[in-house]
Amino acid sequence: MSRVSAHSWRGAVVARLIIGFAAAVTGARALWVGCEPSPRARVYFANHNSHGDFVLLWSSLPADLRGSTRPVAGADYWGRGGIRGFLIHRVFRGVLIERNGKGEGQPESNPIAQMSAVLEGGESLILFPEGTRNLGEGVLPFKSGLYHLAVEQPEVELVPVWIDNLKRVMPKGRALPLPLLCTLTFGAPLRLDADETRLDFLTRAREALLALTPKES
């Protein structure tokens, strides 16, 4: 067996273990209330409360979509090699972006170009527009990346996804997750409107995400 084949085989095995573990711990339910699963290139943008957010979202996608959906992650955290490097490259096939200006001026350090190339190749992305984990309630103001990506890829659907309860499963500072039920709600796709300003678009996208939060009974 070649080294590449061995890495692919290990990645597939670890992926199955992660999917099973995520389902067992969270009992995650995927609710497609605004759209249906589709093989077309999409950007799934979600609220960000935990390092486990993209793992749960990725795990909750149908198997035929999971293989063509790649999380966008910070190179400063995930690009350190070791187990993190194995997971992000061999299991999740993540798109690593520089968040600290390192490598500025290099083509591979342009996050919008990196993400656009993935979408143009027919694959989807998982993106967190808040830019960092929100340890409080609600949703932080969105960074500009989602807008610039919508400008570059106007035909790509942008699907809001609300991840509910994961912050309680993996609170900051806890090494092991708590077994609690989680729900992921997929909303109606968005696109950038003609002549829509950056602020108007980001406000509309953020409101579309917040509209998916569970209503108090």
N, C-alpha and C. Protein backbone atom coordinates (compact mmCIF):
# COMPACT_ATOMS: atom_id res chain seq x y z
N MET A 1 0.85 -1.20 0.00
CA MET A 1 0.00 0.00 0.00
C MET A 1 0.88 1.25 0.00
N SER A 2 0.61 2.19 -0.91
CA SER A 2 1.41 3.42 -0.98
C SER A 2 1.12 4.30 0.22
N ARG A 3 2.03 5.26 0.43
CA ARG A 3 1.84 6.18 1.55
C ARG A 3 0.57 7.00 1.40
N VAL A 4 0.28 7.44 0.15
CA VAL A 4 -0.94 8.22 -0.10
C VAL A 4 -2.18 7.39 0.19
N SER A 5 -2.16 6.11 -0.26
CA SER A 5 -3.31 5.24 -0.02
C SER A 5 -3.51 4.98 1.47
N ALA A 6 -2.40 4.83 2.19
CA ALA A 6 -2.49 4.61 3.63
C ALA A 6 -3.10 5.80 4.33
N HIS A 7 -2.67 7.02 3.91
CA HIS A 7 -3.24 8.23 4.52
C HIS A 7 -4.73 8.32 4.21
N SER A 8 -5.13 8.01 2.96
CA SER A 8 -6.54 8.08 2.57
C SER A 8 -7.36 7.09 3.38
N TRP A 9 -6.83 5.88 3.55
CA TRP A 9 -7.54 4.84 4.29
C TRP A 9 -7.70 5.25 5.74
N ARG A 10 -6.63 5.76 6.36
CA ARG A 10 -6.72 6.20 7.75
C ARG A 10 -7.70 7.35 7.90
N GLY A 11 -7.65 8.29 6.95
CA GLY A 11 -8.57 9.41 7.00
C GLY A 11 -10.01 8.97 6.94
N ALA A 12 -10.32 7.99 6.08
CA ALA A 12 -11.69 7.49 5.95
C ALA A 12 -12.15 6.81 7.24
N VAL A 13 -11.26 6.03 7.85
CA VAL A 13 -11.61 5.35 9.10
C VAL A 13 -11.87 6.37 10.21
N VAL A 14 -10.98 7.35 10.33
CA VAL A 14 -11.15 8.37 11.37
C VAL A 14 -12.43 9.17 11.13
N ALA A 15 -12.74 9.46 9.87
CA ALA A 15 -13.96 10.20 9.55
C ALA A 15 -15.19 9.44 10.04
N ARG A 16 -15.22 8.12 9.82
CA ARG A 16 -16.37 7.33 10.27
C ARG A 16 -16.48 7.33 11.80
N LEU A 17 -15.33 7.27 12.46
CA LEU A 17 -15.34 7.30 13.93
C LEU A 17 -15.86 8.64 14.43
N ILE A 18 -15.44 9.73 13.82
CA ILE A 18 -15.88 11.06 14.23
C ILE A 18 -17.38 11.22 14.01
N ILE A 19 -17.87 10.77 12.87
CA ILE A 19 -19.30 10.87 12.57
C ILE A 19 -20.12 10.09 13.60
N GLY A 20 -19.66 8.87 13.91
CA GLY A 20 -20.37 8.06 14.91
C GLY A 20 -20.31 8.68 16.29
N PHE A 21 -19.16 9.21 16.66
CA PHE A 21 -19.01 9.83 17.98
C PHE A 21 -19.89 11.07 18.10
N ALA A 22 -19.91 11.91 17.06
CA ALA A 22 -20.73 13.12 17.09
C ALA A 22 -22.21 12.78 17.22
N ALA A 23 -22.65 11.74 16.51
CA ALA A 23 -24.05 11.33 16.58
C ALA A 23 -24.38 10.78 17.96
N ALA A 24 -23.46 10.01 18.54
CA ALA A 24 -23.72 9.39 19.85
C ALA A 24 -23.77 10.44 20.96
N VAL A 25 -22.89 11.43 20.89
CA VAL A 25 -22.80 12.42 21.97
C VAL A 25 -23.90 13.47 21.87
N THR A 26 -24.19 13.92 20.64
CA THR A 26 -25.13 15.04 20.47
C THR A 26 -26.51 14.62 19.99
N GLY A 27 -26.64 13.40 19.44
CA GLY A 27 -27.92 13.01 18.84
C GLY A 27 -28.36 14.02 17.79
N ALA A 28 -27.39 14.58 17.06
CA ALA A 28 -27.65 15.72 16.19
C ALA A 28 -28.76 15.46 15.17
N ARG A 29 -29.67 16.41 15.08
CA ARG A 29 -30.74 16.38 14.08
C ARG A 29 -30.50 17.50 13.08
N ALA A 30 -30.57 17.18 11.80
CA ALA A 30 -30.45 18.18 10.75
C ALA A 30 -31.85 18.50 10.22
N LEU A 31 -32.28 19.74 10.38
CA LEU A 31 -33.61 20.18 9.93
C LEU A 31 -33.44 21.08 8.71
N TRP A 32 -33.85 20.59 7.56
CA TRP A 32 -33.74 21.37 6.32
C TRP A 32 -35.06 22.11 6.12
N VAL A 33 -35.21 23.25 6.74
CA VAL A 33 -36.48 23.96 6.73
C VAL A 33 -36.59 24.97 5.58
N GLY A 34 -35.45 25.43 5.07
CA GLY A 34 -35.49 26.45 4.01
C GLY A 34 -34.98 25.96 2.67
N CYS A 35 -34.42 24.78 2.62
CA CYS A 35 -33.91 24.21 1.38
C CYS A 35 -33.72 22.72 1.57
N GLU A 36 -33.41 22.04 0.49
CA GLU A 36 -33.15 20.61 0.51
C GLU A 36 -31.65 20.38 0.28
N PRO A 37 -31.13 19.24 0.75
CA PRO A 37 -29.74 18.92 0.44
C PRO A 37 -29.54 18.90 -1.08
N SER A 38 -28.43 19.46 -1.53
CA SER A 38 -28.17 19.54 -2.97
C SER A 38 -26.68 19.40 -3.22
N PRO A 39 -26.31 18.72 -4.33
CA PRO A 39 -24.88 18.56 -4.64
C PRO A 39 -24.24 19.81 -5.23
N ARG A 40 -25.01 20.85 -5.46
CA ARG A 40 -24.43 22.07 -6.04
C ARG A 40 -23.47 22.73 -5.05
N ALA A 41 -22.57 23.55 -5.55
CA ALA A 41 -21.63 24.27 -4.70
C ALA A 41 -22.39 25.30 -3.86
N ARG A 42 -22.19 25.23 -2.55
CA ARG A 42 -22.86 26.14 -1.63
C ARG A 42 -21.86 26.62 -0.57
N VAL A 43 -22.26 27.70 0.10
CA VAL A 43 -21.55 28.12 1.31
C VAL A 43 -22.52 27.97 2.47
N TYR A 44 -22.21 27.07 3.39
CA TYR A 44 -23.00 26.92 4.61
C TYR A 44 -22.38 27.82 5.68
N PHE A 45 -23.08 28.87 6.08
CA PHE A 45 -22.53 29.78 7.08
C PHE A 45 -23.33 29.65 8.38
N ALA A 46 -22.60 29.57 9.50
CA ALA A 46 -23.23 29.21 10.77
C ALA A 46 -22.70 30.07 11.91
N ASN A 47 -23.42 30.00 13.04
CA ASN A 47 -22.95 30.63 14.28
C ASN A 47 -21.78 29.83 14.83
N HIS A 48 -20.93 30.49 15.61
CA HIS A 48 -19.66 29.88 16.02
C HIS A 48 -19.47 30.00 17.53
N ASN A 49 -19.66 28.88 18.24
CA ASN A 49 -19.51 28.88 19.70
C ASN A 49 -18.45 27.92 20.19
N SER A 50 -17.96 27.02 19.32
CA SER A 50 -17.08 25.95 19.79
C SER A 50 -16.17 25.49 18.66
N HIS A 51 -15.01 24.90 19.02
CA HIS A 51 -14.15 24.30 18.01
C HIS A 51 -14.84 23.11 17.35
N GLY A 52 -15.90 22.60 17.97
CA GLY A 52 -16.61 21.46 17.40
C GLY A 52 -17.69 21.84 16.41
N ASP A 53 -17.89 23.13 16.15
CA ASP A 53 -18.99 23.56 15.28
C ASP A 53 -18.89 22.96 13.88
N PHE A 54 -17.74 23.13 13.23
CA PHE A 54 -17.67 22.65 11.86
C PHE A 54 -17.68 21.12 11.81
N VAL A 55 -17.18 20.48 12.87
CA VAL A 55 -17.20 19.02 12.91
C VAL A 55 -18.65 18.52 12.93
N LEU A 56 -19.48 19.15 13.76
CA LEU A 56 -20.87 18.74 13.86
C LEU A 56 -21.63 19.04 12.58
N LEU A 57 -21.40 20.21 11.99
CA LEU A 57 -22.09 20.56 10.75
C LEU A 57 -21.68 19.60 9.63
N TRP A 58 -20.40 19.38 9.49
CA TRP A 58 -19.88 18.46 8.47
C TRP A 58 -20.44 17.06 8.68
N SER A 59 -20.47 16.60 9.92
CA SER A 59 -20.96 15.26 10.22
C SER A 59 -22.45 15.12 9.93
N SER A 60 -23.19 16.22 10.03
CA SER A 60 -24.65 16.17 9.88
C SER A 60 -25.10 16.22 8.42
N LEU A 61 -24.19 16.49 7.50
CA LEU A 61 -24.55 16.51 6.09
C LEU A 61 -24.76 15.08 5.58
N PRO A 62 -25.64 14.90 4.59
CA PRO A 62 -25.76 13.58 3.97
C PRO A 62 -24.41 13.11 3.44
N ALA A 63 -24.19 11.82 3.44
CA ALA A 63 -22.88 11.26 3.06
C ALA A 63 -22.43 11.72 1.69
N ASP A 64 -23.37 11.85 0.73
CA ASP A 64 -22.97 12.23 -0.63
C ASP A 64 -22.55 13.68 -0.72
N LEU A 65 -22.91 14.51 0.26
CA LEU A 65 -22.49 15.91 0.28
C LEU A 65 -21.24 16.11 1.13
N ARG A 66 -21.08 15.27 2.13
CA ARG A 66 -19.99 15.46 3.08
C ARG A 66 -18.63 15.42 2.40
N GLY A 67 -18.47 14.54 1.44
CA GLY A 67 -17.18 14.40 0.77
C GLY A 67 -16.80 15.57 -0.09
N SER A 68 -17.77 16.41 -0.45
CA SER A 68 -17.48 17.57 -1.29
C SER A 68 -17.73 18.88 -0.55
N THR A 69 -17.73 18.82 0.79
CA THR A 69 -17.93 20.03 1.60
C THR A 69 -16.73 20.21 2.52
N ARG A 70 -16.11 21.37 2.44
CA ARG A 70 -14.85 21.61 3.14
C ARG A 70 -14.97 22.78 4.12
N PRO A 71 -14.59 22.58 5.37
CA PRO A 71 -14.64 23.67 6.34
C PRO A 71 -13.51 24.67 6.13
N VAL A 72 -13.82 25.94 6.34
CA VAL A 72 -12.80 27.00 6.32
C VAL A 72 -12.32 27.18 7.76
N ALA A 73 -11.01 27.09 7.96
CA ALA A 73 -10.46 27.12 9.32
C ALA A 73 -9.20 27.96 9.37
N GLY A 74 -8.88 28.47 10.56
CA GLY A 74 -7.71 29.31 10.74
C GLY A 74 -6.43 28.50 10.73
N ALA A 75 -5.46 28.92 9.90
CA ALA A 75 -4.19 28.22 9.82
C ALA A 75 -3.41 28.32 11.12
N ASP A 76 -3.64 29.40 11.89
CA ASP A 76 -2.90 29.58 13.13
C ASP A 76 -3.23 28.50 14.15
N TYR A 77 -4.46 27.96 14.09
CA TYR A 77 -4.86 26.91 15.03
C TYR A 77 -4.70 25.52 14.44
N TRP A 78 -5.14 25.34 13.20
CA TRP A 78 -5.19 24.00 12.61
C TRP A 78 -3.95 23.64 11.81
N GLY A 79 -3.10 24.60 11.52
CA GLY A 79 -1.95 24.33 10.67
C GLY A 79 -0.67 24.00 11.42
N ARG A 80 -0.78 23.46 12.61
CA ARG A 80 0.39 23.20 13.43
C ARG A 80 0.95 21.78 13.29
N GLY A 81 0.40 21.00 12.41
CA GLY A 81 0.87 19.62 12.25
C GLY A 81 0.28 18.71 13.30
N GLY A 82 0.87 17.53 13.46
CA GLY A 82 0.40 16.59 14.46
C GLY A 82 -1.01 16.12 14.17
N ILE A 83 -1.77 15.84 15.23
CA ILE A 83 -3.12 15.32 15.08
C ILE A 83 -4.04 16.35 14.44
N ARG A 84 -3.85 17.63 14.78
CA ARG A 84 -4.68 18.66 14.15
C ARG A 84 -4.45 18.68 12.64
N GLY A 85 -3.19 18.62 12.24
CA GLY A 85 -2.87 18.64 10.82
C GLY A 85 -3.45 17.44 10.09
N PHE A 86 -3.36 16.27 10.71
CA PHE A 86 -3.93 15.06 10.10
C PHE A 86 -5.43 15.22 9.93
N LEU A 87 -6.11 15.69 10.98
CA LEU A 87 -7.56 15.82 10.91
C LEU A 87 -7.99 16.82 9.85
N ILE A 88 -7.38 17.99 9.85
CA ILE A 88 -7.85 19.04 8.94
C ILE A 88 -7.53 18.71 7.49
N HIS A 89 -6.40 18.04 7.24
CA HIS A 89 -6.03 17.75 5.85
C HIS A 89 -6.56 16.41 5.35
N ARG A 90 -6.48 15.38 6.18
CA ARG A 90 -6.80 14.03 5.71
C ARG A 90 -8.24 13.61 5.97
N VAL A 91 -8.87 14.24 6.95
CA VAL A 91 -10.25 13.87 7.29
C VAL A 91 -11.23 14.90 6.74
N PHE A 92 -11.03 16.18 7.09
CA PHE A 92 -12.00 17.22 6.72
C PHE A 92 -11.65 17.94 5.43
N ARG A 93 -10.40 17.78 4.95
CA ARG A 93 -9.96 18.49 3.74
C ARG A 93 -10.22 19.99 3.86
N GLY A 94 -9.85 20.53 5.01
CA GLY A 94 -10.16 21.92 5.30
C GLY A 94 -9.40 22.90 4.42
N VAL A 95 -9.97 24.09 4.31
CA VAL A 95 -9.34 25.21 3.61
C VAL A 95 -8.74 26.11 4.69
N LEU A 96 -7.43 26.11 4.81
CA LEU A 96 -6.77 26.88 5.87
C LEU A 96 -6.48 28.29 5.39
N ILE A 97 -6.90 29.27 6.18
CA ILE A 97 -6.67 30.66 5.81
C ILE A 97 -5.83 31.34 6.89
N GLU A 98 -5.05 32.31 6.47
CA GLU A 98 -4.24 33.08 7.40
C GLU A 98 -5.10 34.21 7.99
N ARG A 99 -5.15 34.27 9.31
CA ARG A 99 -5.96 35.30 9.96
C ARG A 99 -5.11 36.39 10.60
N ASN A 100 -3.78 36.27 10.49
CA ASN A 100 -2.90 37.22 11.16
C ASN A 100 -1.99 37.99 10.21
N GLY A 101 -2.30 37.93 8.91
CA GLY A 101 -1.51 38.67 7.94
C GLY A 101 -0.25 37.96 7.50
N LYS A 102 0.06 36.80 8.08
CA LYS A 102 1.26 36.06 7.70
C LYS A 102 1.15 35.65 6.24
N GLY A 103 2.23 35.87 5.50
CA GLY A 103 2.23 35.51 4.08
C GLY A 103 1.50 36.51 3.22
N GLU A 104 1.25 37.71 3.75
CA GLU A 104 0.50 38.72 2.99
C GLU A 104 1.20 39.00 1.66
N GLY A 105 0.41 39.09 0.61
CA GLY A 105 0.95 39.32 -0.71
C GLY A 105 1.12 38.06 -1.52
N GLN A 106 1.09 36.90 -0.87
CA GLN A 106 1.20 35.63 -1.56
C GLN A 106 -0.19 35.17 -2.01
N PRO A 107 -0.31 34.56 -3.19
CA PRO A 107 -1.63 34.13 -3.67
C PRO A 107 -2.35 33.21 -2.70
N GLU A 108 -1.60 32.30 -2.05
CA GLU A 108 -2.23 31.35 -1.16
C GLU A 108 -2.70 31.99 0.14
N SER A 109 -2.32 33.28 0.39
CA SER A 109 -2.74 33.95 1.62
C SER A 109 -3.98 34.81 1.40
N ASN A 110 -4.56 34.78 0.18
CA ASN A 110 -5.77 35.53 -0.13
C ASN A 110 -6.98 34.64 0.16
N PRO A 111 -7.65 34.83 1.31
CA PRO A 111 -8.75 33.92 1.67
C PRO A 111 -9.87 33.86 0.65
N ILE A 112 -10.23 35.00 0.07
CA ILE A 112 -11.34 35.01 -0.90
C ILE A 112 -10.96 34.21 -2.14
N ALA A 113 -9.72 34.36 -2.60
CA ALA A 113 -9.27 33.59 -3.75
C ALA A 113 -9.24 32.10 -3.43
N GLN A 114 -8.79 31.74 -2.24
CA GLN A 114 -8.77 30.33 -1.83
C GLN A 114 -10.17 29.74 -1.84
N MET A 115 -11.11 30.45 -1.23
CA MET A 115 -12.47 29.94 -1.13
C MET A 115 -13.16 29.92 -2.50
N SER A 116 -12.91 30.94 -3.32
CA SER A 116 -13.51 30.99 -4.65
C SER A 116 -13.05 29.81 -5.50
N ALA A 117 -11.77 29.44 -5.37
CA ALA A 117 -11.24 28.32 -6.15
C ALA A 117 -11.95 27.02 -5.79
N VAL A 118 -12.27 26.84 -4.51
CA VAL A 118 -12.99 25.64 -4.08
C VAL A 118 -14.40 25.62 -4.69
N LEU A 119 -15.09 26.74 -4.62
CA LEU A 119 -16.44 26.82 -5.16
C LEU A 119 -16.45 26.63 -6.67
N GLU A 120 -15.47 27.21 -7.35
CA GLU A 120 -15.38 27.06 -8.80
C GLU A 120 -15.09 25.61 -9.19
N GLY A 121 -14.50 24.86 -8.27
CA GLY A 121 -14.25 23.44 -8.51
C GLY A 121 -15.46 22.57 -8.22
N GLY A 122 -16.60 23.19 -7.85
CA GLY A 122 -17.84 22.45 -7.62
C GLY A 122 -18.03 21.94 -6.21
N GLU A 123 -17.14 22.33 -5.28
CA GLU A 123 -17.28 21.89 -3.90
C GLU A 123 -17.90 23.00 -3.05
N SER A 124 -18.38 22.61 -1.87
CA SER A 124 -19.02 23.55 -0.96
C SER A 124 -18.09 23.89 0.21
N LEU A 125 -18.47 24.94 0.95
CA LEU A 125 -17.68 25.41 2.08
C LEU A 125 -18.54 25.52 3.32
N ILE A 126 -17.90 25.36 4.48
CA ILE A 126 -18.49 25.68 5.77
C ILE A 126 -17.75 26.88 6.31
N LEU A 127 -18.50 27.95 6.62
CA LEU A 127 -17.87 29.23 6.97
C LEU A 127 -18.54 29.80 8.21
N PHE A 128 -17.74 30.48 9.04
CA PHE A 128 -18.26 31.13 10.24
C PHE A 128 -17.99 32.63 10.14
N PRO A 129 -19.00 33.41 9.70
CA PRO A 129 -18.78 34.84 9.41
C PRO A 129 -18.43 35.70 10.62
N GLU A 130 -18.68 35.20 11.84
CA GLU A 130 -18.30 35.98 13.01
C GLU A 130 -16.78 36.10 13.12
N GLY A 131 -16.07 35.16 12.53
CA GLY A 131 -14.62 35.23 12.50
C GLY A 131 -13.92 34.67 13.72
N THR A 132 -14.64 34.51 14.81
CA THR A 132 -14.07 33.96 16.03
C THR A 132 -15.20 33.34 16.84
N ARG A 133 -14.84 32.53 17.82
CA ARG A 133 -15.89 31.93 18.65
C ARG A 133 -16.57 32.99 19.50
N ASN A 134 -17.89 32.90 19.56
CA ASN A 134 -18.68 33.80 20.38
C ASN A 134 -19.03 33.09 21.68
N LEU A 135 -18.44 33.53 22.78
CA LEU A 135 -18.67 32.87 24.06
C LEU A 135 -19.89 33.43 24.79
N GLY A 136 -20.54 34.43 24.18
CA GLY A 136 -21.75 35.00 24.77
C GLY A 136 -22.99 34.50 24.06
N GLU A 137 -24.06 35.26 24.14
CA GLU A 137 -25.32 34.90 23.50
C GLU A 137 -25.44 35.58 22.15
N GLY A 138 -26.38 35.09 21.34
CA GLY A 138 -26.65 35.73 20.06
C GLY A 138 -25.55 35.47 19.05
N VAL A 139 -25.35 36.45 18.16
CA VAL A 139 -24.38 36.33 17.07
C VAL A 139 -23.58 37.63 16.98
N LEU A 140 -22.28 37.53 16.92
CA LEU A 140 -21.43 38.71 16.77
C LEU A 140 -21.63 39.33 15.38
N PRO A 141 -21.31 40.62 15.22
CA PRO A 141 -21.36 41.21 13.87
C PRO A 141 -20.50 40.42 12.90
N PHE A 142 -20.98 40.28 11.66
CA PHE A 142 -20.26 39.50 10.67
C PHE A 142 -19.05 40.26 10.14
N LYS A 143 -17.96 39.53 9.89
CA LYS A 143 -16.82 40.08 9.18
C LYS A 143 -17.18 40.21 7.70
N SER A 144 -16.31 40.87 6.94
CA SER A 144 -16.63 41.19 5.55
C SER A 144 -16.45 40.03 4.58
N GLY A 145 -15.82 38.93 5.04
CA GLY A 145 -15.49 37.85 4.11
C GLY A 145 -16.67 37.28 3.35
N LEU A 146 -17.79 37.09 4.03
CA LEU A 146 -18.97 36.52 3.37
C LEU A 146 -19.44 37.42 2.23
N TYR A 147 -19.40 38.73 2.45
CA TYR A 147 -19.79 39.68 1.41
C TYR A 147 -18.85 39.59 0.21
N HIS A 148 -17.56 39.62 0.45
CA HIS A 148 -16.60 39.59 -0.65
C HIS A 148 -16.70 38.27 -1.43
N LEU A 149 -16.99 37.19 -0.72
CA LEU A 149 -17.17 35.91 -1.39
C LEU A 149 -18.43 35.94 -2.26
N ALA A 150 -19.49 36.58 -1.76
CA ALA A 150 -20.73 36.70 -2.53
C ALA A 150 -20.52 37.57 -3.78
N VAL A 151 -19.66 38.56 -3.68
CA VAL A 151 -19.35 39.40 -4.84
C VAL A 151 -18.60 38.59 -5.89
N GLU A 152 -17.64 37.77 -5.45
CA GLU A 152 -16.84 36.98 -6.37
C GLU A 152 -17.62 35.80 -6.96
N GLN A 153 -18.57 35.28 -6.19
CA GLN A 153 -19.33 34.08 -6.61
C GLN A 153 -20.83 34.37 -6.50
N PRO A 154 -21.36 35.26 -7.34
CA PRO A 154 -22.76 35.69 -7.19
C PRO A 154 -23.79 34.60 -7.42
N GLU A 155 -23.44 33.51 -8.11
CA GLU A 155 -24.40 32.45 -8.39
C GLU A 155 -24.42 31.36 -7.32
N VAL A 156 -23.49 31.42 -6.40
CA VAL A 156 -23.41 30.39 -5.36
C VAL A 156 -24.43 30.67 -4.26
N GLU A 157 -25.13 29.64 -3.83
CA GLU A 157 -26.10 29.78 -2.75
C GLU A 157 -25.39 29.86 -1.40
N LEU A 158 -25.84 30.80 -0.58
CA LEU A 158 -25.31 30.97 0.77
C LEU A 158 -26.40 30.52 1.75
N VAL A 159 -26.16 29.42 2.43
CA VAL A 159 -27.20 28.79 3.26
C VAL A 159 -26.90 29.02 4.74
N PRO A 160 -27.78 29.75 5.45
CA PRO A 160 -27.57 29.92 6.90
C PRO A 160 -27.88 28.63 7.65
N VAL A 161 -27.07 28.34 8.66
CA VAL A 161 -27.26 27.13 9.48
C VAL A 161 -27.12 27.51 10.95
N TRP A 162 -28.19 27.32 11.70
CA TRP A 162 -28.11 27.60 13.14
C TRP A 162 -27.76 26.31 13.88
N ILE A 163 -26.66 26.35 14.64
CA ILE A 163 -26.24 25.21 15.45
C ILE A 163 -26.69 25.47 16.88
N ASP A 164 -27.60 24.65 17.37
CA ASP A 164 -28.18 24.89 18.69
C ASP A 164 -27.65 23.92 19.73
N ASN A 165 -27.20 24.45 20.85
CA ASN A 165 -26.86 23.69 22.06
C ASN A 165 -25.43 23.17 22.11
N LEU A 166 -24.63 23.34 21.04
CA LEU A 166 -23.29 22.78 21.07
C LEU A 166 -22.40 23.48 22.10
N LYS A 167 -22.70 24.75 22.38
CA LYS A 167 -21.89 25.47 23.37
C LYS A 167 -21.98 24.80 24.73
N ARG A 168 -23.12 24.17 25.03
CA ARG A 168 -23.28 23.45 26.30
C ARG A 168 -22.60 22.09 26.26
N VAL A 169 -22.51 21.51 25.06
CA VAL A 169 -21.85 20.22 24.90
C VAL A 169 -20.34 20.36 25.10
N MET A 170 -19.78 21.44 24.51
CA MET A 170 -18.33 21.66 24.59
C MET A 170 -18.05 23.07 25.11
N PRO A 171 -18.34 23.35 26.38
CA PRO A 171 -18.03 24.67 26.92
C PRO A 171 -16.53 24.92 26.96
N LYS A 172 -16.15 26.18 26.93
CA LYS A 172 -14.73 26.54 26.93
C LYS A 172 -14.04 25.94 28.15
N GLY A 173 -12.87 25.33 27.91
CA GLY A 173 -12.08 24.79 29.01
C GLY A 173 -12.39 23.34 29.35
N ARG A 174 -13.42 22.76 28.71
CA ARG A 174 -13.77 21.38 29.00
C ARG A 174 -13.11 20.46 27.99
N ALA A 175 -12.44 19.42 28.46
CA ALA A 175 -11.72 18.50 27.57
C ALA A 175 -12.64 17.48 26.93
N LEU A 176 -13.67 17.01 27.66
CA LEU A 176 -14.57 16.00 27.15
C LEU A 176 -15.98 16.58 27.01
N PRO A 177 -16.71 16.19 25.95
CA PRO A 177 -18.05 16.74 25.72
C PRO A 177 -19.08 16.17 26.68
N LEU A 178 -20.14 16.94 26.92
CA LEU A 178 -21.29 16.48 27.67
C LEU A 178 -22.32 15.92 26.68
N PRO A 179 -22.96 14.81 26.98
CA PRO A 179 -23.95 14.23 26.05
C PRO A 179 -25.27 15.00 26.11
N LEU A 180 -25.46 15.92 25.18
CA LEU A 180 -26.67 16.72 25.10
C LEU A 180 -27.15 16.76 23.65
N LEU A 181 -28.45 16.86 23.46
CA LEU A 181 -29.01 16.89 22.12
C LEU A 181 -28.71 18.22 21.43
N CYS A 182 -28.35 18.15 20.14
CA CYS A 182 -28.09 19.34 19.34
C CYS A 182 -28.94 19.29 18.06
N THR A 183 -29.28 20.47 17.59
CA THR A 183 -30.06 20.58 16.36
C THR A 183 -29.37 21.55 15.41
N LEU A 184 -29.34 21.21 14.13
CA LEU A 184 -28.81 22.10 13.10
C LEU A 184 -29.96 22.42 12.15
N THR A 185 -30.28 23.70 12.02
CA THR A 185 -31.38 24.13 11.20
C THR A 185 -30.84 24.85 9.96
N PHE A 186 -31.16 24.32 8.78
CA PHE A 186 -30.69 24.87 7.52
C PHE A 186 -31.79 25.77 6.95
N GLY A 187 -31.46 27.03 6.70
CA GLY A 187 -32.44 28.00 6.23
C GLY A 187 -32.47 28.16 4.73
N ALA A 188 -33.21 29.16 4.29
CA ALA A 188 -33.33 29.44 2.86
C ALA A 188 -32.05 30.06 2.33
N PRO A 189 -31.61 29.66 1.13
CA PRO A 189 -30.38 30.21 0.56
C PRO A 189 -30.49 31.71 0.26
N LEU A 190 -29.38 32.40 0.39
CA LEU A 190 -29.28 33.82 0.07
C LEU A 190 -28.33 34.01 -1.11
N ARG A 191 -28.52 35.13 -1.81
CA ARG A 191 -27.55 35.61 -2.79
C ARG A 191 -27.46 37.12 -2.64
N LEU A 192 -26.37 37.69 -3.10
CA LEU A 192 -26.19 39.13 -3.05
C LEU A 192 -27.13 39.79 -4.05
N ASP A 193 -27.92 40.75 -3.58
CA ASP A 193 -28.80 41.50 -4.47
C ASP A 193 -28.01 42.54 -5.26
N ALA A 194 -28.54 42.89 -6.42
CA ALA A 194 -27.89 43.92 -7.23
C ALA A 194 -27.84 45.24 -6.46
N ASP A 195 -26.68 45.87 -6.45
CA ASP A 195 -26.46 47.17 -5.80
C ASP A 195 -26.61 47.12 -4.28
N GLU A 196 -26.65 45.92 -3.69
CA GLU A 196 -26.75 45.81 -2.24
C GLU A 196 -25.40 46.17 -1.62
N THR A 197 -25.40 47.02 -0.63
CA THR A 197 -24.15 47.43 0.01
C THR A 197 -23.61 46.33 0.92
N ARG A 198 -22.35 46.46 1.25
CA ARG A 198 -21.73 45.48 2.14
C ARG A 198 -22.47 45.41 3.46
N LEU A 199 -22.76 46.55 4.06
CA LEU A 199 -23.42 46.57 5.36
C LEU A 199 -24.82 45.98 5.27
N ASP A 200 -25.58 46.35 4.23
CA ASP A 200 -26.93 45.82 4.08
C ASP A 200 -26.92 44.30 3.91
N PHE A 201 -25.99 43.81 3.11
CA PHE A 201 -25.93 42.37 2.88
C PHE A 201 -25.56 41.62 4.16
N LEU A 202 -24.54 42.10 4.86
CA LEU A 202 -24.11 41.41 6.08
C LEU A 202 -25.20 41.46 7.14
N THR A 203 -25.93 42.56 7.21
CA THR A 203 -27.05 42.66 8.15
C THR A 203 -28.14 41.66 7.79
N ARG A 204 -28.45 41.56 6.49
CA ARG A 204 -29.49 40.62 6.04
C ARG A 204 -29.07 39.17 6.30
N ALA A 205 -27.82 38.86 6.04
CA ALA A 205 -27.34 37.50 6.27
C ALA A 205 -27.36 37.15 7.76
N ARG A 206 -26.94 38.08 8.59
CA ARG A 206 -26.95 37.85 10.04
C ARG A 206 -28.37 37.66 10.56
N GLU A 207 -29.32 38.48 10.06
CA GLU A 207 -30.71 38.35 10.48
C GLU A 207 -31.31 37.02 10.01
N ALA A 208 -30.90 36.55 8.82
CA ALA A 208 -31.39 35.26 8.32
C ALA A 208 -30.91 34.13 9.23
N LEU A 209 -29.70 34.25 9.75
CA LEU A 209 -29.17 33.24 10.67
C LEU A 209 -29.91 33.30 12.00
N LEU A 210 -30.07 34.49 12.53
CA LEU A 210 -30.75 34.64 13.82
C LEU A 210 -32.20 34.18 13.76
N ALA A 211 -32.83 34.30 12.58
CA ALA A 211 -34.23 33.89 12.42
C ALA A 211 -34.40 32.39 12.60
N LEU A 212 -33.30 31.63 12.54
CA LEU A 212 -33.38 30.17 12.69
C LEU A 212 -33.24 29.71 14.13
N THR A 213 -33.01 30.63 15.06
CA THR A 213 -32.85 30.22 16.45
C THR A 213 -34.16 29.63 16.98
N PRO A 214 -34.08 28.60 17.80
CA PRO A 214 -35.32 27.98 18.33
C PRO A 214 -36.15 28.98 19.10
N LYS A 215 -37.45 28.93 18.89
CA LYS A 215 -38.36 29.83 19.58
C LYS A 215 -38.70 29.26 20.95
N GLU A 216 -38.79 30.14 21.93
CA GLU A 216 -39.17 29.71 23.29
C GLU A 216 -40.60 29.20 23.28
N SER A 217 -40.83 28.05 23.91
CA SER A 217 -42.18 27.49 23.94
C SER A 217 -42.97 28.08 25.10
